Amino acid sequence: IPGTEQVTLTTNGVELERYMDDLVAAGLDAVNIS
């Protein structure tokens, strides 16, 4: 989206290992894990 500076994600981490590569490829800037 034009103007977007940052996209981050909050997760419990259960599925994070499975999706981490995809999220990085998507351009995720940071992750918060509970």
All heavy atoms as atom14 arrays in JSON, in Angstrom:
{
  "sequence": "IPGTEQVTLTTNGVELERYMDDLVAAGLDAVNIS",
  "atom14_mask": [
    [1, 1, 1, 1, 1, 1, 1, 1, 0, 0, 0, 0, 0, 0],
    [1, 1, 1, 1, 1, 1, 1, 0, 0, 0, 0, 0, 0, 0],
    [1, 1, 1, 1, 0, 0, 0, 0, 0, 0, 0, 0, 0, 0],
    [1, 1, 1, 1, 1, 1, 1, 0, 0, 0, 0, 0, 0, 0],
    [1, 1, 1, 1, 1, 1, 1, 1, 1, 0, 0, 0, 0, 0],
    [1, 1, 1, 1, 1, 1, 1, 1, 1, 0, 0, 0, 0, 0],
    [1, 1, 1, 1, 1, 1, 1, 0, 0, 0, 0, 0, 0, 0],
    [1, 1, 1, 1, 1, 1, 1, 0, 0, 0, 0, 0, 0, 0],
    [1, 1, 1, 1, 1, 1, 1, 1, 0, 0, 0, 0, 0, 0],
    [1, 1, 1, 1, 1, 1, 1, 0, 0, 0, 0, 0, 0, 0],
    [1, 1, 1, 1, 1, 1, 1, 0, 0, 0, 0, 0, 0, 0],
    [1, 1, 1, 1, 1, 1, 1, 1, 0, 0, 0, 0, 0, 0],
    [1, 1, 1, 1, 0, 0, 0, 0, 0, 0, 0, 0, 0, 0],
    [1, 1, 1, 1, 1, 1, 1, 0, 0, 0, 0, 0, 0, 0],
    [1, 1, 1, 1, 1, 1, 1, 1, 1, 0, 0, 0, 0, 0],
    [1, 1, 1, 1, 1, 1, 1, 1, 0, 0, 0, 0, 0, 0],
    [1, 1, 1, 1, 1, 1, 1, 1, 1, 0, 0, 0, 0, 0],
    [1, 1, 1, 1, 1, 1, 1, 1, 1, 1, 1, 0, 0, 0],
    [1, 1, 1, 1, 1, 1, 1, 1, 1, 1, 1, 1, 0, 0],
    [1, 1, 1, 1, 1, 1, 1, 1, 0, 0, 0, 0, 0, 0],
    [1, 1, 1, 1, 1, 1, 1, 1, 0, 0, 0, 0, 0, 0],
    [1, 1, 1, 1, 1, 1, 1, 1, 0, 0, 0, 0, 0, 0],
    [1, 1, 1, 1, 1, 1, 1, 1, 0, 0, 0, 0, 0, 0],
    [1, 1, 1, 1, 1, 1, 1, 0, 0, 0, 0, 0, 0, 0],
    [1, 1, 1, 1, 1, 0, 0, 0, 0, 0, 0, 0, 0, 0],
    [1, 1, 1, 1, 1, 0, 0, 0, 0, 0, 0, 0, 0, 0],
    [1, 1, 1, 1, 0, 0, 0, 0, 0, 0, 0, 0, 0, 0],
    [1, 1, 1, 1, 1, 1, 1, 1, 0, 0, 0, 0, 0, 0],
    [1, 1, 1, 1, 1, 1, 1, 1, 0, 0, 0, 0, 0, 0],
    [1, 1, 1, 1, 1, 0, 0, 0, 0, 0, 0, 0, 0, 0],
    [1, 1, 1, 1, 1, 1, 1, 0, 0, 0, 0, 0, 0, 0],
    [1, 1, 1, 1, 1, 1, 1, 1, 0, 0, 0, 0, 0, 0],
    [1, 1, 1, 1, 1, 1, 1, 1, 0, 0, 0, 0, 0, 0],
    [1, 1, 1, 1, 1, 1, 0, 0, 0, 0, 0, 0, 0, 0]
  ],
  "atom14_positions": [
    [[0.85, -1.19, 0.0], [0.0, 0.0, 0.0], [0.89, 1.25, 0.0], [1.79, 1.37, 0.83], [-0.93, 0.02, 1.23], [-1.95, -1.11, 1.14], [-1.65, 1.37, 1.36], [-2.82, -1.26, 2.38], [0.0, 0.0, 0.0], [0.0, 0.0, 0.0], [0.0, 0.0, 0.0], [0.0, 0.0, 0.0], [0.0, 0.0, 0.0], [0.0, 0.0, 0.0]],
    [[0.69, 2.17, -0.92], [1.51, 3.38, -0.95], [1.46, 4.11, 0.4], [0.39, 4.3, 0.97], [0.85, 4.22, -2.06], [0.21, 3.21, -2.96], [-0.28, 2.13, -2.04], [0.0, 0.0, 0.0], [0.0, 0.0, 0.0], [0.0, 0.0, 0.0], [0.0, 0.0, 0.0], [0.0, 0.0, 0.0], [0.0, 0.0, 0.0], [0.0, 0.0, 0.0]],
    [[2.62, 4.47, 0.89], [2.7, 5.19, 2.16], [2.99, 4.3, 3.36], [3.34, 4.82, 4.43], [0.0, 0.0, 0.0], [0.0, 0.0, 0.0], [0.0, 0.0, 0.0], [0.0, 0.0, 0.0], [0.0, 0.0, 0.0], [0.0, 0.0, 0.0], [0.0, 0.0, 0.0], [0.0, 0.0, 0.0], [0.0, 0.0, 0.0], [0.0, 0.0, 0.0]],
    [[2.86, 3.0, 3.19], [3.15, 2.11, 4.31], [4.63, 2.14, 4.64], [5.48, 1.93, 3.78], [2.73, 0.66, 3.99], [1.3, 0.6, 3.83], [3.14, -0.28, 5.12], [0.0, 0.0, 0.0], [0.0, 0.0, 0.0], [0.0, 0.0, 0.0], [0.0, 0.0, 0.0], [0.0, 0.0, 0.0], [0.0, 0.0, 0.0], [0.0, 0.0, 0.0]],
    [[4.93, 2.38, 5.9], [6.32, 2.4, 6.37], [6.7, 1.11, 7.1], [7.86, 0.71, 7.07], [6.55, 3.6, 7.31], [6.39, 4.95, 6.64], [6.57, 6.1, 7.61], [6.83, 5.82, 8.81], [6.42, 7.26, 7.2], [0.0, 0.0, 0.0], [0.0, 0.0, 0.0], [0.0, 0.0, 0.0], [0.0, 0.0, 0.0], [0.0, 0.0, 0.0]],
    [[5.71, 0.49, 7.73], [6.04, -0.66, 8.56], [4.82, -1.56, 8.75], [3.71, -1.08, 8.94], [6.53, -0.17, 9.93], [7.11, -1.24, 10.83], [7.55, -0.65, 12.16], [6.77, -0.58, 13.1], [8.8, -0.22, 12.23], [0.0, 0.0, 0.0], [0.0, 0.0, 0.0], [0.0, 0.0, 0.0], [0.0, 0.0, 0.0], [0.0, 0.0, 0.0]],
    [[5.07, -2.86, 8.67], [4.04, -3.86, 8.99], [4.66, -4.85, 9.98], [5.72, -5.43, 9.71], [3.54, -4.61, 7.75], [2.51, -5.67, 8.14], [2.93, -3.64, 6.74], [0.0, 0.0, 0.0], [0.0, 0.0, 0.0], [0.0, 0.0, 0.0], [0.0, 0.0, 0.0], [0.0, 0.0, 0.0], [0.0, 0.0, 0.0], [0.0, 0.0, 0.0]],
    [[4.01, -5.03, 11.11], [4.5, -5.94, 12.13], [3.4, -6.93, 12.5], [2.25, -6.8, 12.05], [4.96, -5.17, 13.38], [3.87, -4.4, 13.88], [6.11, -4.23, 13.04], [0.0, 0.0, 0.0], [0.0, 0.0, 0.0], [0.0, 0.0, 0.0], [0.0, 0.0, 0.0], [0.0, 0.0, 0.0], [0.0, 0.0, 0.0], [0.0, 0.0, 0.0]],
    [[3.74, -7.92, 13.31], [2.81, -9.01, 13.63], [2.9, -9.34, 15.1], [4.01, -9.38, 15.67], [3.18, -10.24, 12.8], [2.37, -11.52, 13.03], [1.07, -11.48, 12.22], [3.19, -12.76, 12.63], [0.0, 0.0, 0.0], [0.0, 0.0, 0.0], [0.0, 0.0, 0.0], [0.0, 0.0, 0.0], [0.0, 0.0, 0.0], [0.0, 0.0, 0.0]],
    [[1.76, -9.59, 15.73], [1.72, -10.11, 17.1], [1.18, -11.54, 17.05], [0.14, -11.79, 16.42], [0.83, -9.26, 18.01], [1.46, -7.98, 18.22], [0.64, -9.91, 19.36], [0.0, 0.0, 0.0], [0.0, 0.0, 0.0], [0.0, 0.0, 0.0], [0.0, 0.0, 0.0], [0.0, 0.0, 0.0], [0.0, 0.0, 0.0], [0.0, 0.0, 0.0]],
    [[1.88, -12.48, 17.69], [1.52, -13.89, 17.6], [1.85, -14.61, 18.91], [2.66, -14.12, 19.71], [2.3, -14.56, 16.44], [2.08, -15.97, 16.46], [3.8, -14.31, 16.57], [0.0, 0.0, 0.0], [0.0, 0.0, 0.0], [0.0, 0.0, 0.0], [0.0, 0.0, 0.0], [0.0, 0.0, 0.0], [0.0, 0.0, 0.0], [0.0, 0.0, 0.0]],
    [[1.22, -15.76, 19.11], [1.59, -16.59, 20.26], [2.77, -17.5, 19.94], [3.24, -18.24, 20.81], [0.39, -17.39, 20.77], [-0.19, -18.33, 19.72], [0.51, -18.86, 18.85], [-1.5, -18.56, 19.79], [0.0, 0.0, 0.0], [0.0, 0.0, 0.0], [0.0, 0.0, 0.0], [0.0, 0.0, 0.0], [0.0, 0.0, 0.0], [0.0, 0.0, 0.0]],
    [[3.22, -17.48, 18.7], [4.42, -18.21, 18.32], [4.23, -19.66, 17.95], [5.17, -20.3, 17.46], [0.0, 0.0, 0.0], [0.0, 0.0, 0.0], [0.0, 0.0, 0.0], [0.0, 0.0, 0.0], [0.0, 0.0, 0.0], [0.0, 0.0, 0.0], [0.0, 0.0, 0.0], [0.0, 0.0, 0.0], [0.0, 0.0, 0.0], [0.0, 0.0, 0.0]],
    [[3.03, -20.21, 18.15], [2.81, -21.64, 17.92], [3.11, -22.02, 16.47], [3.74, -23.04, 16.19], [1.37, -22.03, 18.31], [1.06, -23.46, 17.88], [1.17, -21.88, 19.82], [0.0, 0.0, 0.0], [0.0, 0.0, 0.0], [0.0, 0.0, 0.0], [0.0, 0.0, 0.0], [0.0, 0.0, 0.0], [0.0, 0.0, 0.0], [0.0, 0.0, 0.0]],
    [[2.66, -21.21, 15.51], [2.85, -21.51, 14.09], [3.96, -20.66, 13.46], [4.14, -20.68, 12.24], [1.54, -21.24, 13.33], [0.38, -22.14, 13.74], [0.61, -23.6, 13.35], [1.42, -23.86, 12.43], [-0.01, -24.48, 13.97], [0.0, 0.0, 0.0], [0.0, 0.0, 0.0], [0.0, 0.0, 0.0], [0.0, 0.0, 0.0], [0.0, 0.0, 0.0]],
    [[4.72, -19.96, 14.29], [5.67, -18.99, 13.74], [6.82, -19.66, 12.99], [7.24, -19.18, 11.93], [6.2, -18.1, 14.85], [7.02, -16.89, 14.42], [6.25, -16.02, 13.44], [7.43, -16.07, 15.65], [0.0, 0.0, 0.0], [0.0, 0.0, 0.0], [0.0, 0.0, 0.0], [0.0, 0.0, 0.0], [0.0, 0.0, 0.0], [0.0, 0.0, 0.0]],
    [[7.35, -20.75, 13.53], [8.45, -21.43, 12.84], [8.01, -21.87, 11.44], [8.77, -21.73, 10.46], [8.93, -22.63, 13.64], [10.12, -23.35, 13.02], [10.61, -24.52, 13.85], [9.81, -25.08, 14.64], [11.79, -24.88, 13.72], [0.0, 0.0, 0.0], [0.0, 0.0, 0.0], [0.0, 0.0, 0.0], [0.0, 0.0, 0.0], [0.0, 0.0, 0.0]],
    [[6.78, -22.33, 11.34], [6.26, -22.8, 10.05], [6.16, -21.68, 9.03], [6.43, -21.89, 7.83], [4.88, -23.44, 10.29], [4.13, -23.84, 9.04], [2.75, -24.34, 9.42], [1.92, -24.64, 8.27], [0.63, -24.96, 8.33], [0.02, -25.0, 9.51], [-0.06, -25.21, 7.23], [0.0, 0.0, 0.0], [0.0, 0.0, 0.0], [0.0, 0.0, 0.0]],
    [[5.79, -20.49, 9.47], [5.52, -19.4, 8.54], [6.61, -18.33, 8.49], [6.48, -17.36, 7.72], [4.19, -18.72, 8.91], [2.98, -19.55, 8.58], [2.2, -20.11, 9.6], [2.6, -19.79, 7.26], [1.08, -20.88, 9.31], [1.49, -20.55, 6.96], [0.73, -21.1, 7.99], [-0.37, -21.86, 7.7], [0.0, 0.0, 0.0], [0.0, 0.0, 0.0]],
    [[7.68, -18.48, 9.25], [8.66, -17.41, 9.36], [9.26, -17.02, 8.02], [9.38, -15.83, 7.69], [9.77, -17.82, 10.33], [10.61, -16.66, 10.83], [9.7, -15.55, 11.92], [9.67, -14.06, 10.94], [0.0, 0.0, 0.0], [0.0, 0.0, 0.0], [0.0, 0.0, 0.0], [0.0, 0.0, 0.0], [0.0, 0.0, 0.0], [0.0, 0.0, 0.0]],
    [[9.66, -18.0, 7.22], [10.26, -17.68, 5.91], [9.29, -16.92, 5.03], [9.67, -15.97, 4.33], [10.72, -18.96, 5.21], [11.95, -19.58, 5.88], [12.6, -18.9, 6.69], [12.24, -20.76, 5.58], [0.0, 0.0, 0.0], [0.0, 0.0, 0.0], [0.0, 0.0, 0.0], [0.0, 0.0, 0.0], [0.0, 0.0, 0.0], [0.0, 0.0, 0.0]],
    [[8.02, -17.33, 5.04], [7.01, -16.66, 4.22], [6.79, -15.23, 4.69], [6.6, -14.31, 3.87], [5.69, -17.42, 4.27], [5.76, -18.78, 3.59], [6.64, -18.97, 2.73], [4.94, -19.66, 3.93], [0.0, 0.0, 0.0], [0.0, 0.0, 0.0], [0.0, 0.0, 0.0], [0.0, 0.0, 0.0], [0.0, 0.0, 0.0], [0.0, 0.0, 0.0]],
    [[6.81, -15.02, 6.0], [6.6, -13.68, 6.54], [7.76, -12.76, 6.19], [7.57, -11.59, 5.84], [6.41, -13.75, 8.06], [5.1, -14.39, 8.52], [5.16, -14.73, 10.01], [3.91, -13.46, 8.25], [0.0, 0.0, 0.0], [0.0, 0.0, 0.0], [0.0, 0.0, 0.0], [0.0, 0.0, 0.0], [0.0, 0.0, 0.0], [0.0, 0.0, 0.0]],
    [[8.97, -13.28, 6.29], [10.14, -12.48, 5.91], [10.08, -12.14, 4.43], [10.34, -11.0, 4.03], [11.44, -13.23, 6.26], [12.65, -12.52, 5.66], [11.59, -13.37, 7.77], [0.0, 0.0, 0.0], [0.0, 0.0, 0.0], [0.0, 0.0, 0.0], [0.0, 0.0, 0.0], [0.0, 0.0, 0.0], [0.0, 0.0, 0.0], [0.0, 0.0, 0.0]],
    [[9.72, -13.11, 3.6], [9.62, -12.86, 2.16], [8.54, -11.82, 1.84], [8.65, -11.07, 0.87], [9.32, -14.17, 1.42], [0.0, 0.0, 0.0], [0.0, 0.0, 0.0], [0.0, 0.0, 0.0], [0.0, 0.0, 0.0], [0.0, 0.0, 0.0], [0.0, 0.0, 0.0], [0.0, 0.0, 0.0], [0.0, 0.0, 0.0], [0.0, 0.0, 0.0]],
    [[7.5, -11.8, 2.68], [6.42, -10.83, 2.48], [6.83, -9.41, 2.89], [6.12, -8.45, 2.58], [5.18, -11.25, 3.27], [0.0, 0.0, 0.0], [0.0, 0.0, 0.0], [0.0, 0.0, 0.0], [0.0, 0.0, 0.0], [0.0, 0.0, 0.0], [0.0, 0.0, 0.0], [0.0, 0.0, 0.0], [0.0, 0.0, 0.0], [0.0, 0.0, 0.0]],
    [[7.94, -9.3, 3.61], [8.42, -7.98, 4.01], [8.12, -7.6, 5.44], [8.26, -6.43, 5.82], [0.0, 0.0, 0.0], [0.0, 0.0, 0.0], [0.0, 0.0, 0.0], [0.0, 0.0, 0.0], [0.0, 0.0, 0.0], [0.0, 0.0, 0.0], [0.0, 0.0, 0.0], [0.0, 0.0, 0.0], [0.0, 0.0, 0.0], [0.0, 0.0, 0.0]],
    [[7.72, -8.57, 6.28], [7.41, -8.26, 7.67], [8.61, -7.56, 8.33], [9.75, -7.98, 8.18], [7.08, -9.55, 8.44], [6.57, -9.36, 9.87], [5.15, -8.79, 9.86], [6.59, -10.69, 10.64], [0.0, 0.0, 0.0], [0.0, 0.0, 0.0], [0.0, 0.0, 0.0], [0.0, 0.0, 0.0], [0.0, 0.0, 0.0], [0.0, 0.0, 0.0]],
    [[8.32, -6.49, 9.07], [9.38, -5.69, 9.68], [9.75, -6.13, 11.09], [10.9, -5.96, 11.51], [8.97, -4.21, 9.71], [8.86, -3.64, 8.31], [9.89, -3.47, 7.65], [7.71, -3.37, 7.87], [0.0, 0.0, 0.0], [0.0, 0.0, 0.0], [0.0, 0.0, 0.0], [0.0, 0.0, 0.0], [0.0, 0.0, 0.0], [0.0, 0.0, 0.0]],
    [[8.8, -6.67, 11.83], [9.08, -7.06, 13.21], [7.97, -7.99, 13.69], [6.87, -8.01, 13.14], [9.18, -5.84, 14.13], [0.0, 0.0, 0.0], [0.0, 0.0, 0.0], [0.0, 0.0, 0.0], [0.0, 0.0, 0.0], [0.0, 0.0, 0.0], [0.0, 0.0, 0.0], [0.0, 0.0, 0.0], [0.0, 0.0, 0.0], [0.0, 0.0, 0.0]],
    [[8.29, -8.74, 14.75], [7.3, -9.66, 15.31], [7.3, -9.55, 16.83], [8.36, -9.44, 17.45], [7.57, -11.12, 14.86], [8.93, -11.6, 15.33], [6.47, -12.06, 15.33], [0.0, 0.0, 0.0], [0.0, 0.0, 0.0], [0.0, 0.0, 0.0], [0.0, 0.0, 0.0], [0.0, 0.0, 0.0], [0.0, 0.0, 0.0], [0.0, 0.0, 0.0]],
    [[6.11, -9.54, 17.42], [5.92, -9.59, 18.87], [5.36, -10.95, 19.22], [4.36, -11.38, 18.62], [4.95, -8.51, 19.34], [5.49, -7.11, 19.17], [6.57, -6.92, 18.62], [4.73, -6.13, 19.61], [0.0, 0.0, 0.0], [0.0, 0.0, 0.0], [0.0, 0.0, 0.0], [0.0, 0.0, 0.0], [0.0, 0.0, 0.0], [0.0, 0.0, 0.0]],
    [[5.97, -11.62, 20.18], [5.55, -12.97, 20.55], [5.11, -12.98, 22.01], [5.86, -12.55, 22.89], [6.7, -13.98, 20.34], [7.19, -13.91, 18.89], [6.25, -15.39, 20.69], [8.54, -14.51, 18.66], [0.0, 0.0, 0.0], [0.0, 0.0, 0.0], [0.0, 0.0, 0.0], [0.0, 0.0, 0.0], [0.0, 0.0, 0.0], [0.0, 0.0, 0.0]],
    [[3.91, -13.45, 22.27], [3.39, -13.51, 23.63], [3.94, -14.74, 24.34], [3.84, -15.86, 23.84], [1.86, -13.57, 23.61], [1.32, -12.41, 22.99], [0.0, 0.0, 0.0], [0.0, 0.0, 0.0], [0.0, 0.0, 0.0], [0.0, 0.0, 0.0], [0.0, 0.0, 0.0], [0.0, 0.0, 0.0], [0.0, 0.0, 0.0], [0.0, 0.0, 0.0]]
  ]
}
